[in-house]
Amino acid sequence: MTVTKYSGNGNDFIMFVAKEKADRSSLAKKLCHRQNGVGADGLVVVLPHPEYDFEWEFYNADGSHAAMCGNASRCVAHFAHEKGISKEGIAVFLTGAGVIRATINGEYVVSDMTLPNILRDDIEAYGKNWWLIDSGVPHLVAVCNDIDTFDLEEARALRQKYNCNVNICKLEDDTMYVRTYERGVEDETLACGTGIVACFVRNHKEGKVSNQVKIYPKSGDELYVSYEAEVYRFGGKVTKTFVAETFI
């Protein structure tokens, strides 16, 4: 089979087009394996849909399903645009979290994210206050003065207790820095779009940032999140890294 590899600021994905839905959990685990497969944080399968440009199946590297992934939404929009599945620089597609609209301008892609839901703002653990926010998938968010150190054992414990992703972030003027431990990858990733949006939501609700913020994940790439007319938008460059034939 032929697959395409994309990177959304270090968050990497394997993609291909299929005609029918299927359980591809085992295939996702094999393809995403860093040593014995193609290697990726997730697998995106693009499927036909009668109403929208397409529908996706999204799998984490461990074969589990995820309703939404911000960086994957930008990458798959670019992929579908290149394939002619979507037209005129706009992709509208169905995810497990709802319908996503993305605009494509060369390598720069902006996704209109699903409306986030603040589930809790009172979690105290490891000397930090955490908010639990569903930005398509659930994320714990703590605001810190220093994120040079990210205790992954603490993150794993929180991930297991609350069945969610775990983020720490810090602010410097109107710039945000974010680190994320991702459920399904079970490790820190270089970037996480829904995590970035969740961090923005907390800081915006607390009045700490304006309606548009420059954000840097662990990869060091520059990303933006904005809030306009009750819509959260997540934008940045995506990279099509290669197309390959795999015998998996």
Protein backbone atom coordinates (compact mmCIF):
# COMPACT_ATOMS: atom_id res chain seq x y z
CA MET A 1 0.00 0.00 0.00
CA THR A 2 1.04 3.60 -0.57
CA VAL A 3 1.00 6.02 2.34
CA THR A 4 1.78 9.71 2.76
CA LYS A 5 3.63 11.08 5.78
CA TYR A 6 2.90 14.54 7.17
CA SER A 7 4.30 16.56 10.04
CA GLY A 8 2.30 19.19 11.87
CA ASN A 9 5.13 20.94 13.72
CA GLY A 10 6.70 17.68 14.84
CA ASN A 11 3.38 15.91 15.44
CA ASP A 12 3.58 13.33 12.62
CA PHE A 13 0.90 11.32 10.85
CA ILE A 14 0.48 8.63 8.21
CA MET A 15 -2.38 9.10 5.74
CA PHE A 16 -4.13 7.22 2.98
CA VAL A 17 -7.49 7.18 1.18
CA ALA A 18 -9.92 4.27 1.57
CA LYS A 19 -13.38 3.52 0.23
CA GLU A 20 -14.95 1.92 3.27
CA LYS A 21 -14.84 2.08 7.06
CA ALA A 22 -13.04 -0.73 8.86
CA ASP A 23 -11.31 -1.53 12.12
CA ARG A 24 -7.75 -0.49 11.36
CA SER A 25 -6.46 -0.48 14.94
CA SER A 26 -3.95 -3.27 14.29
CA LEU A 27 -2.77 -1.61 11.08
CA ALA A 28 -2.33 1.70 12.89
CA LYS A 29 -0.10 0.09 15.53
CA LYS A 30 2.05 -1.54 12.85
CA LEU A 31 2.36 1.52 10.62
CA CYS A 32 3.04 3.92 13.50
CA HIS A 33 5.78 1.77 15.05
CA ARG A 34 8.99 3.83 15.02
CA GLN A 35 11.34 0.89 14.39
CA ASN A 36 9.32 -1.71 12.46
CA GLY A 37 6.85 0.52 10.64
CA VAL A 38 6.71 3.91 8.97
CA GLY A 39 6.72 5.67 12.34
CA ALA A 40 4.18 8.28 13.44
CA ASP A 41 2.08 9.65 16.30
CA GLY A 42 -1.11 8.67 14.49
CA LEU A 43 -2.87 7.29 11.42
CA VAL A 44 -5.52 9.20 9.44
CA VAL A 45 -7.77 7.35 6.97
CA VAL A 46 -9.71 9.56 4.55
CA LEU A 47 -13.15 8.21 3.65
CA PRO A 48 -15.93 9.42 1.32
CA HIS A 49 -18.89 11.21 2.86
CA PRO A 50 -22.23 12.13 1.20
CA GLU A 51 -22.46 15.61 2.74
CA TYR A 52 -18.91 16.78 3.46
CA ASP A 53 -15.67 16.66 1.50
CA PHE A 54 -14.68 13.58 3.46
CA GLU A 55 -14.80 11.81 6.80
CA TRP A 56 -11.79 10.62 8.74
CA GLU A 57 -10.87 7.69 10.91
CA PHE A 58 -8.17 8.75 13.38
CA TYR A 59 -6.00 6.32 15.30
CA ASN A 60 -3.34 6.99 17.91
CA ALA A 61 -0.02 5.17 17.65
CA ASP A 62 -1.25 2.52 20.10
CA GLY A 63 -4.24 1.72 17.85
CA SER A 64 -6.80 3.55 19.98
CA HIS A 65 -9.32 5.93 18.45
CA ALA A 66 -9.32 9.68 19.11
CA ALA A 67 -12.24 11.95 18.31
CA MET A 68 -10.08 14.92 17.34
CA CYS A 69 -6.49 15.98 16.73
CA GLY A 70 -5.68 19.60 15.91
CA ASN A 71 -2.43 19.08 14.04
CA ALA A 72 -3.84 16.10 12.14
CA SER A 73 -6.82 18.23 11.10
CA ARG A 74 -4.47 20.73 9.46
CA CYS A 75 -2.35 18.00 7.84
CA VAL A 76 -5.29 16.05 6.45
CA ALA A 77 -6.83 19.23 5.05
CA HIS A 78 -3.63 19.81 3.06
CA PHE A 79 -3.55 16.14 2.01
CA ALA A 80 -7.17 16.22 0.79
CA HIS A 81 -6.57 19.48 -1.05
CA GLU A 82 -3.57 17.99 -2.88
CA LYS A 83 -5.62 14.90 -3.77
CA GLY A 84 -8.46 17.03 -5.18
CA ILE A 85 -10.88 15.72 -2.55
CA SER A 86 -11.55 19.27 -1.36
CA LYS A 87 -11.70 22.34 -3.58
CA GLU A 88 -10.81 26.05 -3.63
CA GLY A 89 -8.55 26.03 -0.59
CA ILE A 90 -11.24 24.95 1.87
CA ALA A 91 -11.79 21.51 3.39
CA VAL A 92 -14.90 20.62 5.37
CA PHE A 93 -14.81 17.18 6.96
CA LEU A 94 -16.32 15.05 9.68
CA THR A 95 -14.35 13.92 12.74
CA GLY A 96 -15.42 12.09 15.86
CA ALA A 97 -15.72 15.47 17.59
CA GLY A 98 -17.83 17.08 14.85
CA VAL A 99 -17.37 18.96 11.59
CA ILE A 100 -14.09 20.79 10.99
CA ARG A 101 -13.56 23.57 8.47
CA ALA A 102 -9.98 24.26 7.41
CA THR A 103 -8.49 26.79 5.01
CA ILE A 104 -5.37 25.93 3.02
CA ASN A 105 -2.95 28.57 1.74
CA GLY A 106 0.15 26.78 0.50
CA GLU A 107 1.75 25.10 3.51
CA TYR A 108 -0.16 27.30 5.95
CA VAL A 109 -3.38 25.70 7.19
CA VAL A 110 -5.91 27.05 9.69
CA SER A 111 -8.51 24.80 11.33
CA ASP A 112 -11.70 26.04 12.96
CA MET A 113 -11.70 23.92 16.09
CA THR A 114 -14.66 22.35 17.85
CA LEU A 115 -16.06 24.45 20.69
CA PRO A 116 -14.13 23.61 23.88
CA ASN A 117 -15.83 22.64 27.13
CA ILE A 118 -14.31 23.41 30.53
CA LEU A 119 -15.12 20.33 32.61
CA ARG A 120 -13.29 21.24 35.86
CA ASP A 121 -11.10 24.04 37.19
CA ASP A 122 -10.43 22.75 40.70
CA ILE A 123 -7.99 19.85 40.37
CA GLU A 124 -4.99 20.13 42.68
CA ALA A 125 -2.06 17.77 42.13
CA TYR A 126 1.73 17.91 42.38
CA GLY A 127 1.62 21.48 43.66
CA LYS A 128 -0.29 22.77 40.64
CA ASN A 129 -3.85 23.80 39.84
CA TRP A 130 -5.18 21.94 36.81
CA TRP A 131 -8.13 22.66 34.55
CA LEU A 132 -9.75 19.78 32.68
CA ILE A 133 -10.81 21.02 29.24
CA ASP A 134 -12.32 19.07 26.35
CA SER A 135 -11.05 20.72 23.16
CA GLY A 136 -12.07 17.79 20.99
CA VAL A 137 -10.34 15.39 23.36
CA PRO A 138 -9.80 15.91 27.12
CA HIS A 139 -6.74 17.81 28.37
CA LEU A 140 -5.42 18.75 31.79
CA VAL A 141 -3.79 22.20 31.76
CA ALA A 142 -1.52 23.78 34.37
CA VAL A 143 0.04 27.25 34.06
CA CYS A 144 3.62 27.30 35.33
CA ASN A 145 6.45 29.80 35.70
CA ASP A 146 8.95 27.30 34.32
CA ILE A 147 8.37 24.43 31.89
CA ASP A 148 12.00 23.52 31.19
CA THR A 149 11.35 20.41 33.28
CA PHE A 150 8.31 18.24 32.52
CA ASP A 151 7.94 15.32 34.94
CA LEU A 152 6.64 12.53 32.71
CA GLU A 153 5.99 10.20 35.63
CA GLU A 154 3.61 12.78 37.10
CA ALA A 155 2.06 13.25 33.66
CA ARG A 156 1.54 9.50 33.27
CA ALA A 157 -0.12 9.29 36.70
CA LEU A 158 -2.50 12.15 35.82
CA ARG A 159 -3.18 10.66 32.38
CA GLN A 160 -4.20 7.36 34.01
CA LYS A 161 -6.29 8.96 36.77
CA TYR A 162 -8.23 11.33 34.50
CA ASN A 163 -7.93 9.43 31.18
CA CYS A 164 -6.72 12.51 29.37
CA ASN A 165 -3.76 14.32 27.85
CA VAL A 166 -1.58 16.44 30.16
CA ASN A 167 -0.20 19.91 29.40
CA ILE A 168 1.97 22.47 31.12
CA CYS A 169 2.32 25.98 29.74
CA LYS A 170 3.92 29.31 30.54
CA LEU A 171 3.35 32.86 29.36
CA GLU A 172 5.83 35.51 28.33
CA ASP A 173 3.94 38.67 27.40
CA ASP A 174 1.48 37.54 24.68
CA THR A 175 3.46 34.43 23.75
CA MET A 176 2.72 30.98 25.13
CA TYR A 177 4.99 27.94 25.45
CA VAL A 178 3.40 24.48 25.74
CA ARG A 179 4.52 20.94 26.49
CA THR A 180 2.14 17.98 26.14
CA TYR A 181 2.01 14.34 27.22
CA GLU A 182 -0.34 12.62 24.78
CA ARG A 183 -2.75 9.83 25.56
CA GLY A 184 -2.46 7.10 22.94
CA VAL A 185 1.17 7.95 22.24
CA GLU A 186 1.92 7.57 25.96
CA ASP A 187 4.80 9.99 25.86
CA GLU A 188 5.56 13.65 25.34
CA THR A 189 5.11 14.74 21.72
CA LEU A 190 6.70 17.64 19.90
CA ALA A 191 3.33 19.36 19.44
CA CYS A 192 -0.36 18.77 20.16
CA GLY A 193 -2.97 21.01 18.55
CA THR A 194 -5.89 20.27 20.86
CA GLY A 195 -3.52 20.67 23.82
CA ILE A 196 -2.36 24.04 22.53
CA VAL A 197 -5.99 25.13 22.14
CA ALA A 198 -6.84 23.91 25.65
CA CYS A 199 -3.93 25.95 27.07
CA PHE A 200 -5.16 28.99 25.18
CA VAL A 201 -8.71 28.50 26.46
CA ARG A 202 -7.61 28.46 30.10
CA ASN A 203 -5.39 31.52 29.80
CA HIS A 204 -7.99 33.40 27.74
CA LYS A 205 -10.75 32.63 30.25
CA GLU A 206 -8.50 33.87 33.05
CA GLY A 207 -7.85 37.11 31.14
CA LYS A 208 -4.12 36.48 30.77
CA VAL A 209 -3.95 36.62 26.95
CA SER A 210 -5.57 38.55 24.10
CA ASN A 211 -7.78 37.09 21.37
CA GLN A 212 -4.76 35.98 19.33
CA VAL A 213 -1.62 34.38 20.71
CA LYS A 214 1.65 33.15 19.26
CA ILE A 215 2.41 29.68 20.63
CA TYR A 216 5.54 27.54 20.62
CA PRO A 217 5.31 23.79 21.36
CA LYS A 218 8.35 21.64 22.17
CA SER A 219 9.27 21.48 18.45
CA GLY A 220 9.98 25.23 18.54
CA ASP A 221 7.70 25.90 15.57
CA GLU A 222 5.54 29.01 15.55
CA LEU A 223 1.78 28.46 15.78
CA TYR A 224 -1.21 30.71 16.38
CA VAL A 225 -4.51 30.36 18.18
CA SER A 226 -7.22 32.99 17.92
CA TYR A 227 -10.74 33.52 19.17
CA GLU A 228 -13.08 35.37 16.82
CA ALA A 229 -16.87 35.43 16.77
CA GLU A 230 -17.04 32.46 19.16
CA VAL A 231 -14.73 30.38 16.93
CA TYR A 232 -11.34 29.07 18.05
CA ARG A 233 -8.87 28.94 15.15
CA PHE A 234 -5.59 27.05 15.13
CA GLY A 235 -3.03 27.85 12.43
CA GLY A 236 0.48 27.07 11.30
CA LYS A 237 2.55 25.39 8.62
CA VAL A 238 2.35 21.69 7.77
CA THR A 239 4.99 19.62 6.00
CA LYS A 240 4.43 16.80 3.54
CA THR A 241 7.52 14.75 4.31
CA PHE A 242 7.25 11.81 1.91
CA VAL A 243 5.12 9.33 -0.04
CA ALA A 244 6.18 5.70 0.28
CA GLU A 245 5.19 2.16 -0.51
CA THR A 246 4.98 -0.10 2.53
CA PHE A 247 4.61 -3.87 2.66
CA ILE A 248 3.04 -3.91 6.14
